[in-house]
Amino acid sequence: AAYLEAAPWDVVALQEVSAQVASVLLEVADSVIYLADSADRYGSALLGCNGFTLTKSGTVPGLPVPSRGVFAEVCCDSGSVIASSWHPPNAAKEADKPAKQKAYVAFNAWVRSRQAPLLVGADANHGALWTRVADFPDAPLRRDFAQDLHWEENMFWTARSEEHTSEL
């Protein structure tokens, strides 16, 4: 909250927001969309100020944890844009990979269905920049992605391929 009070901003997308932090954010923003559910101790939030208001909010359909993908229409004097705050599940444990992959597929489908301009703020739980061999062949700390992480691979690094298009 102190950072937001000191920084110039109009729209902010936050992830891993607790209910306690959300109540503080209400004091620094003119317009707040926050969603958390009982299955997840954190939620996603969108904030607006300086004449940027948030309307027509909802959750991205099909996500395994709905509170991790909120959206709203951001309106100002010059027009509007759809904004989303998105945080897919972590897949550090093997058992969590299907939920993470489902989240990527659902978010990708929602993004492609948008007609209006779209702004996305995301904590994407993605590997560091040195993890992509083709893009950073000389990076000393890179590591290759496992084949079962192609959902992230296609979302952030590559053009859509025929191999994965039907799955997305």
Foldseek 3Di string as FASTA:
>chain_A
DVVLQVDDDFKDKDWFAAPVNQVVVVVRAPEKDADDDPVDRIAIMMGGHPQWYWADKDFQPQQPGRRQKIWTWTDHPVGTEIEIEHEFDAPPDVVCLVNRLRRLVSVVVSVVPDDGHYHYDYPHNDDDPQQDCVVCVPDPPHHHDDPSPVSVVPVPPDPDDPVCPVVD
